[in-house]
């Protein structure tokens, strides 16, 4: 379809790959020219393309001066609600198990 032929060569000897190396330099130069002609601050990084989210670095961590008490409070409240729901579900399951066992339990004769 694209008329591409694979030719194997030594990976540690770029001097022996004259044409591919020249093509790589042409592509890099074209990309360099394109990005200088059309500068954008929101270019996606390769990480964003692969994982769909921006990379987190130490610079992107919140500083101690940021006020994130509301976020922490909402997380804490959500955790408490989830824990209470889990407790209630466990108690209901324990009651249901006890009721089932009471139906099949037979007295022990000694």
Protein backbone atom coordinates (compact mmCIF):
# COMPACT_ATOMS: atom_id res chain seq x y z
CA UNK A 1 0.00 0.00 0.00
CA UNK A 2 2.65 2.55 1.02
CA UNK A 3 5.44 0.68 -0.78
CA UNK A 4 7.60 0.50 2.35
CA UNK A 5 10.38 -2.08 2.48
CA UNK A 6 12.03 -3.09 5.76
CA UNK A 7 15.82 -3.32 5.73
CA UNK A 8 17.67 -4.48 8.82
CA UNK A 9 20.89 -2.82 9.93
CA UNK A 10 23.00 -2.38 13.02
CA UNK A 11 21.16 -0.37 15.68
CA UNK A 12 24.36 1.02 17.22
CA UNK A 13 25.89 2.26 13.95
CA UNK A 14 23.79 5.19 12.67
CA UNK A 15 26.55 6.06 10.17
CA UNK A 16 25.62 2.94 8.20
CA UNK A 17 22.01 4.15 7.93
CA UNK A 18 22.62 7.26 5.83
CA UNK A 19 19.23 7.60 4.18
CA UNK A 20 17.07 6.94 7.28
CA UNK A 21 19.23 9.28 9.36
CA UNK A 22 18.92 12.00 6.72
CA UNK A 23 15.15 11.45 6.58
CA UNK A 24 14.95 11.69 10.38
CA UNK A 25 16.81 15.01 10.30
CA UNK A 26 14.46 16.30 7.57
CA UNK A 27 11.39 15.30 9.60
CA UNK A 28 12.82 16.90 12.75
CA UNK A 29 13.60 20.11 10.87
CA UNK A 30 10.08 20.19 9.41
CA UNK A 31 8.58 19.73 12.89
CA UNK A 32 10.84 22.44 14.26
CA UNK A 33 9.75 24.87 11.54
CA UNK A 34 6.07 23.99 12.00
CA UNK A 35 6.17 24.49 15.77
CA UNK A 36 7.91 27.86 15.43
CA UNK A 37 5.44 29.05 12.77
CA UNK A 38 2.41 27.89 14.76
CA UNK A 39 3.37 28.26 18.42
CA UNK A 40 0.82 26.90 20.84
CA UNK A 41 0.98 26.72 24.57
CA UNK A 42 -1.34 23.71 24.71
CA UNK A 43 0.61 21.14 22.71
CA UNK A 44 -0.06 17.68 24.09
CA UNK A 45 2.99 15.93 25.47
CA UNK A 46 3.63 12.29 24.52
CA UNK A 47 2.60 11.38 28.08
CA UNK A 48 -0.77 13.11 27.61
CA UNK A 49 -1.31 11.38 24.28
CA UNK A 50 -0.59 7.94 25.77
CA UNK A 51 -2.34 8.26 29.14
CA UNK A 52 -4.95 10.94 28.48
CA UNK A 53 -3.93 13.16 31.39
CA UNK A 54 -1.15 15.65 32.08
CA UNK A 55 2.00 14.44 33.76
CA UNK A 56 2.33 15.21 37.46
CA UNK A 57 5.60 16.70 38.55
CA UNK A 58 6.81 18.31 41.75
CA UNK A 59 5.86 21.65 40.24
CA UNK A 60 2.26 20.52 39.81
CA UNK A 61 1.88 19.52 43.47
CA UNK A 62 -0.17 21.91 45.58
CA UNK A 63 1.81 24.30 47.68
CA UNK A 64 1.19 24.61 51.43
CA UNK A 65 -0.26 28.07 50.80
CA UNK A 66 -3.11 26.66 48.71
CA UNK A 67 -6.41 26.46 50.55
CA UNK A 68 -7.69 22.98 49.97
CA UNK A 69 -9.60 22.54 53.21
CA UNK A 70 -12.87 22.29 51.29
CA UNK A 71 -11.52 19.45 49.20
CA UNK A 72 -10.16 17.61 52.22
CA UNK A 73 -13.44 18.10 54.09
CA UNK A 74 -15.46 16.75 51.17
CA UNK A 75 -13.15 13.72 50.92
CA UNK A 76 -13.43 13.14 54.66
CA UNK A 77 -17.24 13.39 54.53
CA UNK A 78 -17.45 11.01 51.57
CA UNK A 79 -15.20 8.54 53.39
CA UNK A 80 -17.37 8.70 56.52
CA UNK A 81 -20.55 8.18 54.48
CA UNK A 82 -18.98 5.19 52.70
CA UNK A 83 -17.78 3.70 55.98
CA UNK A 84 -21.23 4.07 57.54
CA UNK A 85 -22.86 2.44 54.51
CA UNK A 86 -20.35 -0.44 54.70
CA UNK A 87 -21.05 -0.88 58.43
CA UNK A 88 -24.79 -0.98 57.81
CA UNK A 89 -24.38 -3.51 54.98
CA UNK A 90 -22.17 -5.73 57.16
CA UNK A 91 -24.67 -5.63 60.03
CA UNK A 92 -27.54 -6.50 57.66
CA UNK A 93 -25.52 -9.39 56.22
CA UNK A 94 -24.69 -10.65 59.72
CA UNK A 95 -28.40 -10.54 60.69
CA UNK A 96 -29.38 -12.38 57.51
CA UNK A 97 -26.73 -15.05 58.11
CA UNK A 98 -27.84 -15.47 61.72
CA UNK A 99 -31.47 -15.85 60.60
CA UNK A 100 -30.53 -18.49 58.01
CA UNK A 101 -28.46 -20.40 60.56
CA UNK A 102 -31.30 -20.25 63.10
CA UNK A 103 -33.58 -21.98 60.61
CA UNK A 104 -31.23 -24.90 59.97
CA UNK A 105 -29.66 -25.20 63.42
CA UNK A 106 -30.56 -28.33 65.32
CA UNK A 107 -30.06 -28.78 69.03
CA UNK A 108 -27.13 -30.91 70.02
CA UNK A 109 -27.88 -34.10 71.93
CA UNK A 110 -25.31 -35.39 74.37
